[in-house]
């Protein structure tokens, strides 16, 4: 996999069409019109290719929320094939590398919205992932869910007890879409999606902490 990251304002309409084609015949159906709007909302676009074939992409930004270093993934989609896990790891490796450069020697929060439990693969190796099995979120963790939902434009749609975003409108909703059938998922995470209707725009807000020593060693995507 070869990953290229650039500013979103450098994305061509042809590239947007190629991204839209990855889910043209299935949910979440991120079409070119919606991706054009996403291009205006996020700073960086990373693409993973196998030869000339697009295998995945991720719209993200590196910023501080209340002084805390954050890697925020607004929308990411991985092609559903035998290379899904590899494509996800390749994209994350590049994003974590950039987070290390932007925030050396600091803990970095990775935050996104998940469509399914497979998205928890993005949090492999991170500390204090929330929500997680047999953990009751603290008041500060619930506050983080609200901060992230606000940043994603879903503040009014969030239930900060379940971390589920349930929009009332029918407009498309971003998030991380990946399916890696052979990958092992953390214990108990599937239960968090019992009430998540992804086809109706529901998403689960998830975040976790990348430790500086793990970022420096490149351990998070092995």
N, C-alpha and C. Protein backbone atom coordinates (compact mmCIF):
# COMPACT_ATOMS: atom_id res chain seq x y z
N UNK A 1 0.83 -1.19 0.00
CA UNK A 1 0.00 0.00 0.00
C UNK A 1 0.87 1.25 0.00
N UNK A 2 0.53 2.18 -0.85
CA UNK A 2 1.19 3.47 -0.86
C UNK A 2 0.20 4.53 -0.41
N UNK A 3 0.59 5.30 0.60
CA UNK A 3 -0.29 6.33 1.14
C UNK A 3 0.25 7.71 0.78
N UNK A 4 -0.63 8.56 0.29
CA UNK A 4 -0.28 9.94 -0.03
C UNK A 4 -1.25 10.85 0.74
N UNK A 5 -0.70 11.85 1.41
CA UNK A 5 -1.51 12.82 2.15
C UNK A 5 -1.25 14.21 1.59
N UNK A 6 -2.32 14.96 1.40
CA UNK A 6 -2.20 16.33 0.89
C UNK A 6 -3.35 17.16 1.43
N UNK A 7 -3.29 18.46 1.17
CA UNK A 7 -4.37 19.35 1.58
C UNK A 7 -5.63 19.03 0.79
N UNK A 8 -6.77 19.14 1.45
CA UNK A 8 -8.02 18.81 0.77
C UNK A 8 -8.32 19.74 -0.40
N UNK A 9 -7.80 20.97 -0.35
CA UNK A 9 -8.08 21.89 -1.46
C UNK A 9 -7.36 21.49 -2.74
N UNK A 10 -6.50 20.47 -2.65
CA UNK A 10 -5.79 19.98 -3.83
C UNK A 10 -6.48 18.78 -4.47
N UNK A 11 -7.63 18.36 -3.91
CA UNK A 11 -8.35 17.21 -4.46
C UNK A 11 -9.08 17.63 -5.73
N UNK A 12 -8.92 16.85 -6.78
CA UNK A 12 -9.63 17.13 -8.04
C UNK A 12 -11.00 16.46 -8.02
N UNK A 13 -11.87 16.92 -8.91
CA UNK A 13 -13.20 16.29 -9.02
C UNK A 13 -13.08 14.84 -9.48
N UNK A 14 -12.09 14.55 -10.27
CA UNK A 14 -11.87 13.16 -10.71
C UNK A 14 -11.51 12.27 -9.53
N UNK A 15 -10.72 12.80 -8.60
CA UNK A 15 -10.36 12.03 -7.41
C UNK A 15 -11.58 11.82 -6.52
N UNK A 16 -12.42 12.84 -6.40
CA UNK A 16 -13.65 12.69 -5.62
C UNK A 16 -14.54 11.62 -6.22
N UNK A 17 -14.64 11.60 -7.53
CA UNK A 17 -15.46 10.58 -8.21
C UNK A 17 -14.92 9.18 -7.93
N UNK A 18 -13.59 9.05 -7.93
CA UNK A 18 -12.97 7.76 -7.64
C UNK A 18 -13.28 7.33 -6.21
N UNK A 19 -13.26 8.28 -5.27
CA UNK A 19 -13.60 7.97 -3.89
C UNK A 19 -15.06 7.54 -3.77
N UNK A 20 -15.94 8.24 -4.46
CA UNK A 20 -17.36 7.91 -4.41
C UNK A 20 -17.62 6.52 -4.97
N UNK A 21 -16.85 6.11 -5.95
CA UNK A 21 -17.05 4.80 -6.58
C UNK A 21 -16.81 3.64 -5.62
N UNK A 22 -16.05 3.88 -4.54
CA UNK A 22 -15.77 2.79 -3.60
C UNK A 22 -17.01 2.30 -2.88
N UNK A 23 -18.04 3.15 -2.77
CA UNK A 23 -19.28 2.69 -2.11
C UNK A 23 -20.51 3.08 -2.92
N UNK A 24 -20.36 3.10 -4.22
CA UNK A 24 -21.47 3.53 -5.08
C UNK A 24 -22.65 2.56 -5.02
N UNK A 25 -22.35 1.29 -4.74
CA UNK A 25 -23.40 0.27 -4.75
C UNK A 25 -23.73 -0.26 -3.36
N UNK A 26 -23.34 0.45 -2.33
CA UNK A 26 -23.62 0.01 -0.96
C UNK A 26 -23.61 1.21 -0.02
N UNK A 27 -24.18 0.99 1.16
CA UNK A 27 -24.08 2.02 2.20
C UNK A 27 -22.63 2.13 2.62
N UNK A 28 -22.18 3.33 3.02
CA UNK A 28 -22.96 4.53 3.34
C UNK A 28 -23.20 5.46 2.14
N UNK A 29 -22.81 5.02 0.95
CA UNK A 29 -23.09 5.80 -0.26
C UNK A 29 -22.64 7.25 -0.14
N UNK A 30 -21.37 7.43 0.17
CA UNK A 30 -20.78 8.77 0.17
C UNK A 30 -20.59 9.19 -1.29
N UNK A 31 -21.54 9.97 -1.82
CA UNK A 31 -21.47 10.33 -3.23
C UNK A 31 -20.60 11.56 -3.43
N UNK A 32 -20.37 11.92 -4.68
CA UNK A 32 -19.44 13.00 -5.00
C UNK A 32 -19.93 14.34 -4.47
N UNK A 33 -21.25 14.53 -4.42
CA UNK A 33 -21.78 15.78 -3.88
C UNK A 33 -21.46 15.93 -2.41
N UNK A 34 -21.66 14.86 -1.65
CA UNK A 34 -21.37 14.90 -0.22
C UNK A 34 -19.87 15.02 0.02
N UNK A 35 -19.06 14.29 -0.74
CA UNK A 35 -17.61 14.36 -0.57
C UNK A 35 -17.08 15.76 -0.89
N UNK A 36 -17.74 16.45 -1.80
CA UNK A 36 -17.35 17.84 -2.11
C UNK A 36 -17.53 18.74 -0.89
N UNK A 37 -18.61 18.50 -0.13
CA UNK A 37 -18.84 19.27 1.09
C UNK A 37 -17.80 18.92 2.15
N UNK A 38 -17.49 17.62 2.26
CA UNK A 38 -16.50 17.17 3.24
C UNK A 38 -15.14 17.78 2.94
N UNK A 39 -14.83 17.92 1.66
CA UNK A 39 -13.56 18.52 1.25
C UNK A 39 -13.41 19.92 1.83
N UNK A 40 -14.51 20.65 1.97
CA UNK A 40 -14.45 22.00 2.50
C UNK A 40 -14.33 22.03 4.03
N UNK A 41 -14.65 20.92 4.70
CA UNK A 41 -14.72 20.91 6.16
C UNK A 41 -13.45 20.41 6.84
N UNK A 42 -12.59 19.68 6.09
CA UNK A 42 -11.42 19.07 6.69
C UNK A 42 -10.15 19.52 6.01
N UNK A 43 -9.03 19.35 6.67
CA UNK A 43 -7.76 19.94 6.22
C UNK A 43 -6.95 18.98 5.34
N UNK A 44 -6.92 17.71 5.73
CA UNK A 44 -6.05 16.74 5.07
C UNK A 44 -6.84 15.60 4.46
N UNK A 45 -6.35 15.09 3.34
CA UNK A 45 -6.91 13.89 2.72
C UNK A 45 -5.77 12.90 2.50
N UNK A 46 -5.96 11.69 2.99
CA UNK A 46 -4.98 10.62 2.79
C UNK A 46 -5.62 9.53 1.94
N UNK A 47 -4.88 9.05 0.96
CA UNK A 47 -5.38 7.98 0.10
C UNK A 47 -4.41 6.81 0.15
N UNK A 48 -4.96 5.60 0.18
CA UNK A 48 -4.16 4.38 0.16
C UNK A 48 -4.41 3.67 -1.16
N UNK A 49 -3.32 3.39 -1.89
CA UNK A 49 -3.43 2.74 -3.20
C UNK A 49 -2.60 1.46 -3.24
N UNK A 50 -3.14 0.49 -3.94
CA UNK A 50 -2.41 -0.73 -4.26
C UNK A 50 -2.20 -0.70 -5.77
N UNK A 51 -1.00 -0.31 -6.19
CA UNK A 51 -0.79 -0.02 -7.60
C UNK A 51 -1.58 1.22 -7.96
N UNK A 52 -2.41 1.11 -8.99
CA UNK A 52 -3.26 2.24 -9.39
C UNK A 52 -4.66 2.18 -8.77
N UNK A 53 -4.90 1.16 -7.96
CA UNK A 53 -6.23 0.94 -7.41
C UNK A 53 -6.39 1.62 -6.06
N UNK A 54 -7.41 2.49 -5.95
CA UNK A 54 -7.71 3.14 -4.68
C UNK A 54 -8.31 2.12 -3.73
N UNK A 55 -7.71 1.97 -2.53
CA UNK A 55 -8.19 1.01 -1.55
C UNK A 55 -8.80 1.66 -0.32
N UNK A 56 -8.61 2.96 -0.16
CA UNK A 56 -9.20 3.64 0.98
C UNK A 56 -8.79 5.09 1.04
N UNK A 57 -9.53 5.88 1.80
CA UNK A 57 -9.20 7.30 1.95
C UNK A 57 -9.69 7.79 3.30
N UNK A 58 -9.10 8.89 3.75
CA UNK A 58 -9.45 9.44 5.06
C UNK A 58 -9.31 10.95 5.06
N UNK A 59 -10.39 11.65 5.43
CA UNK A 59 -10.37 13.10 5.64
C UNK A 59 -10.10 13.34 7.13
N UNK A 60 -9.09 14.14 7.43
CA UNK A 60 -8.72 14.31 8.83
C UNK A 60 -8.15 15.71 9.08
N UNK A 61 -7.85 15.97 10.34
CA UNK A 61 -7.17 17.20 10.71
C UNK A 61 -6.39 16.96 11.99
N UNK A 62 -5.32 17.70 12.15
CA UNK A 62 -4.54 17.72 13.38
C UNK A 62 -4.76 19.08 14.02
N UNK A 63 -5.33 19.08 15.20
CA UNK A 63 -5.62 20.36 15.85
C UNK A 63 -5.67 20.16 17.36
N UNK A 64 -5.75 21.24 18.07
CA UNK A 64 -5.88 21.18 19.52
C UNK A 64 -7.32 21.55 19.90
N UNK A 65 -7.89 20.77 20.79
CA UNK A 65 -9.18 21.09 21.36
C UNK A 65 -8.95 21.38 22.84
N UNK A 66 -9.17 22.63 23.23
CA UNK A 66 -8.89 23.02 24.60
C UNK A 66 -7.45 22.77 25.01
N UNK A 67 -6.54 22.89 24.05
CA UNK A 67 -5.13 22.68 24.33
C UNK A 67 -4.66 21.25 24.16
N UNK A 68 -5.59 20.30 23.98
CA UNK A 68 -5.24 18.88 23.85
C UNK A 68 -4.95 18.53 22.40
N UNK A 69 -3.80 17.93 22.11
CA UNK A 69 -3.50 17.51 20.74
C UNK A 69 -4.48 16.43 20.27
N UNK A 70 -5.03 16.62 19.08
CA UNK A 70 -6.02 15.69 18.56
C UNK A 70 -5.76 15.34 17.10
N UNK A 71 -5.98 14.08 16.79
CA UNK A 71 -6.07 13.60 15.41
C UNK A 71 -7.53 13.24 15.20
N UNK A 72 -8.22 14.02 14.40
CA UNK A 72 -9.65 13.83 14.18
C UNK A 72 -9.89 13.31 12.77
N UNK A 73 -10.60 12.21 12.69
CA UNK A 73 -10.94 11.62 11.40
C UNK A 73 -12.41 11.91 11.14
N UNK A 74 -12.66 12.81 10.20
CA UNK A 74 -14.02 13.23 9.92
C UNK A 74 -14.78 12.23 9.08
N UNK A 75 -14.08 11.66 8.09
CA UNK A 75 -14.70 10.67 7.22
C UNK A 75 -13.60 9.80 6.66
N UNK A 76 -13.79 8.50 6.72
CA UNK A 76 -12.83 7.56 6.14
C UNK A 76 -13.59 6.35 5.63
N UNK A 77 -13.17 5.83 4.50
CA UNK A 77 -13.82 4.67 3.92
C UNK A 77 -12.76 3.74 3.33
N UNK A 78 -12.89 2.46 3.67
CA UNK A 78 -11.96 1.44 3.21
C UNK A 78 -12.69 0.48 2.29
N UNK A 79 -12.10 0.18 1.15
CA UNK A 79 -12.69 -0.78 0.22
C UNK A 79 -12.87 -2.12 0.92
N UNK A 80 -13.98 -2.78 0.66
CA UNK A 80 -14.28 -4.05 1.33
C UNK A 80 -13.75 -5.22 0.52
N UNK A 81 -12.53 -5.62 0.86
CA UNK A 81 -11.91 -6.77 0.19
C UNK A 81 -10.89 -7.38 1.15
N UNK A 82 -10.08 -8.29 0.66
CA UNK A 82 -9.12 -9.00 1.52
C UNK A 82 -8.03 -8.08 2.05
N UNK A 83 -7.90 -6.89 1.46
CA UNK A 83 -6.83 -5.96 1.88
C UNK A 83 -7.36 -4.84 2.79
N UNK A 84 -8.56 -5.00 3.32
CA UNK A 84 -9.15 -3.93 4.14
C UNK A 84 -8.29 -3.58 5.34
N UNK A 85 -7.85 -4.61 6.07
CA UNK A 85 -7.05 -4.38 7.26
C UNK A 85 -5.74 -3.69 6.91
N UNK A 86 -5.12 -4.13 5.82
CA UNK A 86 -3.85 -3.55 5.39
C UNK A 86 -4.02 -2.09 5.01
N UNK A 87 -5.12 -1.77 4.31
CA UNK A 87 -5.36 -0.39 3.90
C UNK A 87 -5.60 0.51 5.10
N UNK A 88 -6.38 0.02 6.07
CA UNK A 88 -6.64 0.80 7.28
C UNK A 88 -5.34 1.09 8.03
N UNK A 89 -4.51 0.07 8.21
CA UNK A 89 -3.25 0.25 8.92
C UNK A 89 -2.33 1.23 8.19
N UNK A 90 -2.32 1.16 6.87
CA UNK A 90 -1.45 2.05 6.10
C UNK A 90 -1.88 3.51 6.28
N UNK A 91 -3.18 3.76 6.23
CA UNK A 91 -3.68 5.12 6.41
C UNK A 91 -3.37 5.62 7.82
N UNK A 92 -3.63 4.78 8.82
CA UNK A 92 -3.38 5.19 10.20
C UNK A 92 -1.90 5.44 10.46
N UNK A 93 -1.05 4.60 9.88
CA UNK A 93 0.39 4.77 10.08
C UNK A 93 0.84 6.15 9.62
N UNK A 94 0.33 6.58 8.48
CA UNK A 94 0.71 7.90 7.97
C UNK A 94 0.14 9.01 8.85
N UNK A 95 -1.09 8.83 9.31
CA UNK A 95 -1.70 9.86 10.15
C UNK A 95 -1.04 9.95 11.51
N UNK A 96 -0.68 8.81 12.09
CA UNK A 96 0.03 8.83 13.37
C UNK A 96 1.42 9.44 13.22
N UNK A 97 2.06 9.18 12.08
CA UNK A 97 3.38 9.77 11.84
C UNK A 97 3.27 11.30 11.81
N UNK A 98 2.25 11.79 11.17
CA UNK A 98 2.06 13.23 11.10
C UNK A 98 1.68 13.81 12.47
N UNK A 99 0.94 13.04 13.26
CA UNK A 99 0.60 13.48 14.61
C UNK A 99 1.86 13.61 15.47
N UNK A 100 2.79 12.66 15.29
CA UNK A 100 4.05 12.72 16.03
C UNK A 100 4.84 13.97 15.65
N UNK A 101 4.86 14.30 14.38
CA UNK A 101 5.59 15.48 13.92
C UNK A 101 4.94 16.77 14.44
N UNK A 102 3.59 16.77 14.46
CA UNK A 102 2.88 17.98 14.89
C UNK A 102 2.92 18.16 16.41
N UNK A 103 2.89 17.03 17.14
CA UNK A 103 2.82 17.10 18.60
C UNK A 103 3.89 16.19 19.22
N UNK A 104 5.16 16.50 19.04
CA UNK A 104 6.22 15.64 19.59
C UNK A 104 6.16 15.58 21.11
N UNK A 105 6.36 14.37 21.64
CA UNK A 105 6.42 14.17 23.10
C UNK A 105 5.11 14.48 23.82
N UNK A 106 3.99 14.41 23.09
CA UNK A 106 2.69 14.65 23.72
C UNK A 106 1.75 13.48 23.44
N UNK A 107 0.81 13.26 24.37
CA UNK A 107 -0.25 12.31 24.12
C UNK A 107 -1.21 12.92 23.09
N UNK A 108 -1.69 12.08 22.18
CA UNK A 108 -2.59 12.57 21.13
C UNK A 108 -3.90 11.79 21.18
N UNK A 109 -5.00 12.51 21.19
CA UNK A 109 -6.32 11.88 21.18
C UNK A 109 -6.73 11.60 19.75
N UNK A 110 -7.09 10.34 19.46
CA UNK A 110 -7.69 9.98 18.18
C UNK A 110 -9.19 9.92 18.38
N UNK A 111 -9.94 10.69 17.62
CA UNK A 111 -11.39 10.71 17.74
C UNK A 111 -12.06 10.58 16.39
N UNK A 112 -13.13 9.79 16.35
CA UNK A 112 -13.89 9.65 15.12
C UNK A 112 -15.29 9.15 15.44
N UNK A 113 -16.07 8.89 14.39
CA UNK A 113 -17.40 8.29 14.53
C UNK A 113 -17.38 6.96 13.80
N UNK A 114 -17.88 5.91 14.44
CA UNK A 114 -17.85 4.58 13.84
C UNK A 114 -19.23 4.15 13.35
N UNK A 115 -19.24 3.46 12.21
CA UNK A 115 -20.48 2.91 11.67
C UNK A 115 -20.76 1.52 12.21
N UNK A 116 -19.68 0.74 12.42
CA UNK A 116 -19.81 -0.63 12.92
C UNK A 116 -18.69 -0.92 13.92
N UNK A 117 -18.80 -2.08 14.57
CA UNK A 117 -17.78 -2.46 15.55
C UNK A 117 -16.42 -2.71 14.92
N UNK A 118 -16.37 -2.98 13.61
CA UNK A 118 -15.09 -3.17 12.93
C UNK A 118 -14.21 -1.93 13.02
N UNK A 119 -14.82 -0.77 13.20
CA UNK A 119 -14.05 0.46 13.30
C UNK A 119 -13.13 0.50 14.50
N UNK A 120 -13.39 -0.34 15.49
CA UNK A 120 -12.51 -0.38 16.66
C UNK A 120 -11.10 -0.85 16.30
N UNK A 121 -10.92 -1.39 15.11
CA UNK A 121 -9.57 -1.76 14.67
C UNK A 121 -8.66 -0.53 14.60
N UNK A 122 -9.25 0.63 14.40
CA UNK A 122 -8.45 1.86 14.32
C UNK A 122 -7.85 2.23 15.67
N UNK A 123 -8.38 1.65 16.76
CA UNK A 123 -7.94 2.02 18.10
C UNK A 123 -7.03 0.97 18.72
N UNK A 124 -6.58 0.03 17.92
CA UNK A 124 -5.67 -0.99 18.42
C UNK A 124 -4.39 -0.34 18.95
N UNK A 125 -4.02 -0.67 20.18
CA UNK A 125 -2.79 -0.15 20.76
C UNK A 125 -2.96 1.18 21.48
N UNK A 126 -4.13 1.80 21.40
CA UNK A 126 -4.35 3.06 22.10
C UNK A 126 -4.76 2.81 23.54
N UNK A 127 -4.57 3.81 24.38
CA UNK A 127 -4.89 3.71 25.80
C UNK A 127 -6.24 4.36 26.08
N UNK A 128 -6.92 3.84 27.11
CA UNK A 128 -8.16 4.43 27.64
C UNK A 128 -9.17 4.73 26.54
N UNK A 129 -9.39 3.75 25.68
CA UNK A 129 -10.39 3.90 24.61
C UNK A 129 -11.78 3.96 25.24
N UNK A 130 -12.59 4.89 24.78
CA UNK A 130 -13.95 5.08 25.30
C UNK A 130 -14.91 5.21 24.13
N UNK A 131 -16.05 4.48 24.17
CA UNK A 131 -16.45 3.51 25.19
C UNK A 131 -15.71 2.18 25.04
N UNK A 132 -15.61 1.45 26.15
CA UNK A 132 -14.98 0.13 26.14
C UNK A 132 -15.72 -0.80 27.10
N UNK A 133 -15.45 -2.08 26.99
CA UNK A 133 -16.14 -3.13 27.74
C UNK A 133 -15.96 -2.93 29.25
N UNK A 134 -17.10 -3.01 29.96
CA UNK A 134 -17.11 -2.94 31.42
C UNK A 134 -16.46 -1.68 31.97
N UNK A 135 -16.67 -0.58 31.26
CA UNK A 135 -16.17 0.70 31.74
C UNK A 135 -17.30 1.72 31.71
N UNK A 136 -17.55 2.37 32.84
CA UNK A 136 -18.54 3.44 32.90
C UNK A 136 -17.84 4.76 32.65
N UNK A 137 -18.19 5.45 31.56
CA UNK A 137 -17.51 6.71 31.25
C UNK A 137 -17.63 7.72 32.38
N UNK A 138 -16.53 8.41 32.62
CA UNK A 138 -16.51 9.46 33.64
C UNK A 138 -17.16 10.73 33.08
N UNK A 139 -17.35 11.70 33.96
CA UNK A 139 -17.90 12.97 33.51
C UNK A 139 -17.01 13.64 32.48
N UNK A 140 -15.69 13.55 32.67
CA UNK A 140 -14.77 14.16 31.71
C UNK A 140 -14.80 13.43 30.37
N UNK A 141 -14.95 12.11 30.41
CA UNK A 141 -15.03 11.36 29.16
C UNK A 141 -16.31 11.67 28.41
N UNK A 142 -17.40 11.84 29.13
CA UNK A 142 -18.65 12.24 28.48
C UNK A 142 -18.51 13.65 27.90
N UNK A 143 -17.77 14.51 28.60
CA UNK A 143 -17.53 15.86 28.07
C UNK A 143 -16.72 15.78 26.77
N UNK A 144 -15.77 14.85 26.70
CA UNK A 144 -15.00 14.68 25.47
C UNK A 144 -15.90 14.22 24.33
N UNK A 145 -16.84 13.35 24.62
CA UNK A 145 -17.78 12.92 23.58
C UNK A 145 -18.56 14.10 23.04
N UNK A 146 -18.96 15.00 23.92
CA UNK A 146 -19.70 16.19 23.49
C UNK A 146 -18.80 17.12 22.68
N UNK A 147 -17.55 17.29 23.11
CA UNK A 147 -16.63 18.14 22.35
C UNK A 147 -16.43 17.60 20.94
N UNK A 148 -16.25 16.29 20.84
CA UNK A 148 -16.02 15.69 19.52
C UNK A 148 -17.27 15.78 18.67
N UNK A 149 -18.42 15.51 19.26
CA UNK A 149 -19.67 15.61 18.49
C UNK A 149 -19.87 17.03 17.97
N UNK A 150 -19.52 18.02 18.78
CA UNK A 150 -19.62 19.41 18.33
C UNK A 150 -18.68 19.67 17.17
N UNK A 151 -17.46 19.14 17.27
CA UNK A 151 -16.48 19.33 16.19
C UNK A 151 -16.95 18.66 14.90
N UNK A 152 -17.65 17.53 15.04
CA UNK A 152 -18.16 16.81 13.87
C UNK A 152 -19.47 17.38 13.36
N UNK A 153 -20.02 18.37 14.07
CA UNK A 153 -21.28 18.97 13.63
C UNK A 153 -22.51 18.21 14.07
N UNK A 154 -22.37 17.35 15.10
CA UNK A 154 -23.49 16.52 15.56
C UNK A 154 -23.82 16.74 17.03
N UNK A 155 -23.47 17.88 17.57
CA UNK A 155 -23.62 18.11 19.01
C UNK A 155 -25.05 17.87 19.50
N UNK A 156 -26.05 18.33 18.76
CA UNK A 156 -27.44 18.21 19.19
C UNK A 156 -27.97 16.79 19.05
N UNK A 157 -27.27 15.96 18.30
CA UNK A 157 -27.75 14.61 18.03
C UNK A 157 -27.12 13.55 18.93
N UNK A 158 -26.25 13.96 19.85
CA UNK A 158 -25.50 13.01 20.67
C UNK A 158 -26.22 12.68 21.97
N UNK A 159 -26.24 11.40 22.32
CA UNK A 159 -26.61 10.94 23.65
C UNK A 159 -25.31 10.65 24.37
N UNK A 160 -24.93 11.50 25.33
CA UNK A 160 -23.63 11.34 25.96
C UNK A 160 -23.58 10.23 27.00
N UNK A 161 -24.68 9.48 27.16
CA UNK A 161 -24.65 8.29 28.00
C UNK A 161 -24.28 7.06 27.18
N UNK A 162 -24.74 7.02 25.93
CA UNK A 162 -24.46 5.88 25.07
C UNK A 162 -23.38 6.19 24.03
N UNK A 163 -23.06 7.48 23.85
CA UNK A 163 -22.10 7.97 22.86
C UNK A 163 -22.63 7.79 21.43
N UNK A 164 -23.92 7.56 21.29
CA UNK A 164 -24.52 7.36 19.97
C UNK A 164 -25.02 8.69 19.42
N UNK A 165 -24.67 8.96 18.18
CA UNK A 165 -25.21 10.09 17.42
C UNK A 165 -26.37 9.57 16.59
N UNK A 166 -27.55 10.16 16.76
CA UNK A 166 -28.74 9.73 16.02
C UNK A 166 -29.39 10.95 15.38
N UNK A 167 -28.92 11.36 14.20
CA UNK A 167 -29.46 12.55 13.53
C UNK A 167 -30.93 12.37 13.18
N UNK A 168 -31.66 13.46 13.29
CA UNK A 168 -33.07 13.43 12.93
C UNK A 168 -33.28 13.69 11.44
N UNK A 169 -32.33 14.38 10.83
CA UNK A 169 -32.43 14.65 9.40
C UNK A 169 -31.91 13.46 8.59
N UNK A 170 -32.18 13.48 7.30
CA UNK A 170 -31.76 12.38 6.43
C UNK A 170 -30.47 12.68 5.68
N UNK A 171 -29.81 13.79 6.04
CA UNK A 171 -28.58 14.15 5.36
C UNK A 171 -27.48 13.12 5.66
N UNK A 172 -26.53 12.93 4.75
CA UNK A 172 -25.43 11.99 4.99
C UNK A 172 -24.63 12.39 6.23
N UNK A 173 -24.07 11.40 6.90
CA UNK A 173 -23.26 11.63 8.09
C UNK A 173 -21.92 10.92 7.88
N UNK A 174 -20.84 11.61 8.20
CA UNK A 174 -19.52 11.03 8.02
C UNK A 174 -19.21 9.98 9.06
N UNK A 175 -17.95 9.57 9.10
CA UNK A 175 -17.52 8.56 10.04
C UNK A 175 -16.51 7.64 9.39
N UNK A 176 -16.11 6.62 10.13
CA UNK A 176 -15.14 5.63 9.64
C UNK A 176 -15.87 4.37 9.25
N UNK A 177 -15.79 4.02 7.97
CA UNK A 177 -16.43 2.82 7.46
C UNK A 177 -15.36 1.81 7.05
N UNK A 178 -15.27 0.73 7.79
CA UNK A 178 -14.32 -0.33 7.46
C UNK A 178 -14.93 -1.66 7.88
N UNK A 179 -14.71 -2.68 7.08
CA UNK A 179 -15.12 -4.04 7.42
C UNK A 179 -13.93 -4.95 7.17
N UNK A 180 -13.44 -5.56 8.25
CA UNK A 180 -12.30 -6.47 8.16
C UNK A 180 -12.71 -7.78 8.84
N UNK A 181 -13.38 -8.67 8.13
CA UNK A 181 -14.01 -9.86 8.73
C UNK A 181 -13.06 -10.75 9.51
N UNK A 182 -11.80 -10.84 9.11
CA UNK A 182 -10.87 -11.74 9.77
C UNK A 182 -10.15 -11.12 10.96
N UNK A 183 -10.40 -9.83 11.19
CA UNK A 183 -9.71 -9.13 12.27
C UNK A 183 -10.38 -9.41 13.61
N UNK A 184 -9.58 -9.52 14.66
CA UNK A 184 -10.10 -9.74 15.99
C UNK A 184 -10.50 -8.41 16.61
N UNK A 185 -11.71 -8.36 17.17
CA UNK A 185 -12.21 -7.12 17.76
C UNK A 185 -12.07 -7.17 19.28
N UNK A 186 -11.95 -6.02 19.92
CA UNK A 186 -11.87 -5.99 21.38
C UNK A 186 -13.13 -6.59 22.01
N UNK A 187 -12.98 -7.16 23.18
CA UNK A 187 -14.10 -7.80 23.86
C UNK A 187 -15.23 -6.81 24.15
N UNK A 188 -16.44 -7.22 23.84
CA UNK A 188 -17.63 -6.49 24.25
C UNK A 188 -18.02 -5.29 23.42
N UNK A 189 -17.24 -4.93 22.41
CA UNK A 189 -17.55 -3.68 21.70
C UNK A 189 -18.80 -3.79 20.83
N UNK A 190 -19.13 -5.00 20.40
CA UNK A 190 -20.30 -5.16 19.53
C UNK A 190 -21.57 -4.69 20.22
N UNK A 191 -21.62 -4.81 21.56
CA UNK A 191 -22.81 -4.41 22.31
C UNK A 191 -23.10 -2.93 22.17
N UNK A 192 -22.08 -2.12 21.94
CA UNK A 192 -22.29 -0.68 21.82
C UNK A 192 -23.07 -0.31 20.55
N UNK A 193 -23.17 -1.25 19.62
CA UNK A 193 -23.83 -0.97 18.34
C UNK A 193 -25.23 -1.56 18.25
N UNK A 194 -25.73 -2.07 19.37
CA UNK A 194 -27.06 -2.68 19.37
C UNK A 194 -28.14 -1.71 18.89
N UNK A 195 -27.97 -0.44 19.23
CA UNK A 195 -28.97 0.58 18.85
C UNK A 195 -28.46 1.53 17.77
N UNK A 196 -27.35 1.17 17.13
CA UNK A 196 -26.79 2.01 16.07
C UNK A 196 -27.34 1.55 14.72
N UNK A 197 -28.16 2.40 14.12
CA UNK A 197 -28.71 2.11 12.79
C UNK A 197 -27.88 2.90 11.77
N UNK A 198 -26.79 2.30 11.34
CA UNK A 198 -25.83 3.02 10.49
C UNK A 198 -26.47 3.52 9.21
N UNK A 199 -27.38 2.73 8.64
CA UNK A 199 -28.03 3.14 7.38
C UNK A 199 -28.89 4.38 7.56
N UNK A 200 -29.27 4.68 8.80
CA UNK A 200 -30.07 5.88 9.10
C UNK A 200 -29.20 7.03 9.61
N UNK A 201 -27.88 6.88 9.48
CA UNK A 201 -26.98 7.96 9.87
C UNK A 201 -26.49 7.89 11.30
N UNK A 202 -26.86 6.83 12.02
CA UNK A 202 -26.39 6.70 13.40
C UNK A 202 -24.90 6.39 13.40
N UNK A 203 -24.21 6.95 14.40
CA UNK A 203 -22.78 6.73 14.55
C UNK A 203 -22.44 6.62 16.05
N UNK A 204 -21.34 5.93 16.35
CA UNK A 204 -20.85 5.86 17.71
C UNK A 204 -19.58 6.69 17.82
N UNK A 205 -19.57 7.67 18.72
CA UNK A 205 -18.38 8.48 18.96
C UNK A 205 -17.39 7.66 19.80
N UNK A 206 -16.18 7.52 19.30
CA UNK A 206 -15.15 6.74 19.99
C UNK A 206 -13.85 7.55 19.99
N UNK A 207 -13.14 7.47 21.10
CA UNK A 207 -11.83 8.13 21.15
C UNK A 207 -10.89 7.33 22.04
N UNK A 208 -9.60 7.55 21.83
CA UNK A 208 -8.58 6.89 22.64
C UNK A 208 -7.30 7.69 22.55
N UNK A 209 -6.34 7.32 23.38
CA UNK A 209 -5.12 8.12 23.53
C UNK A 209 -3.91 7.37 22.99
N UNK A 210 -3.17 8.03 22.10
CA UNK A 210 -1.91 7.50 21.59
C UNK A 210 -0.78 8.06 22.45
N UNK A 211 -0.02 7.16 23.06
CA UNK A 211 1.08 7.59 23.92
C UNK A 211 2.29 8.03 23.07
N UNK A 212 3.03 9.02 23.52
CA UNK A 212 4.15 9.53 22.72
C UNK A 212 5.19 8.47 22.41
N UNK A 213 5.44 7.56 23.37
CA UNK A 213 6.44 6.52 23.11
C UNK A 213 5.96 5.53 22.05
N UNK A 214 4.65 5.28 22.00
CA UNK A 214 4.11 4.38 20.98
C UNK A 214 4.11 5.05 19.60
N UNK A 215 3.82 6.34 19.58
CA UNK A 215 3.89 7.08 18.33
C UNK A 215 5.31 7.09 17.78
N UNK A 216 6.27 7.35 18.67
CA UNK A 216 7.67 7.43 18.25
C UNK A 216 8.20 6.10 17.73
N UNK A 217 7.71 5.01 18.33
CA UNK A 217 8.18 3.68 17.95
C UNK A 217 7.39 3.08 16.79
N UNK A 218 6.31 3.73 16.39
CA UNK A 218 5.48 3.21 15.31
C UNK A 218 4.78 1.92 15.66
N UNK A 219 4.43 1.74 16.94
CA UNK A 219 3.85 0.47 17.39
C UNK A 219 2.35 0.35 17.16
N UNK A 220 1.66 1.45 16.82
CA UNK A 220 0.20 1.44 16.85
C UNK A 220 -0.43 0.76 15.64
N UNK A 221 0.31 0.48 14.60
CA UNK A 221 -0.30 -0.13 13.41
C UNK A 221 0.40 -1.43 13.02
N UNK A 222 1.06 -2.06 13.98
CA UNK A 222 1.73 -3.33 13.67
C UNK A 222 0.75 -4.49 13.78
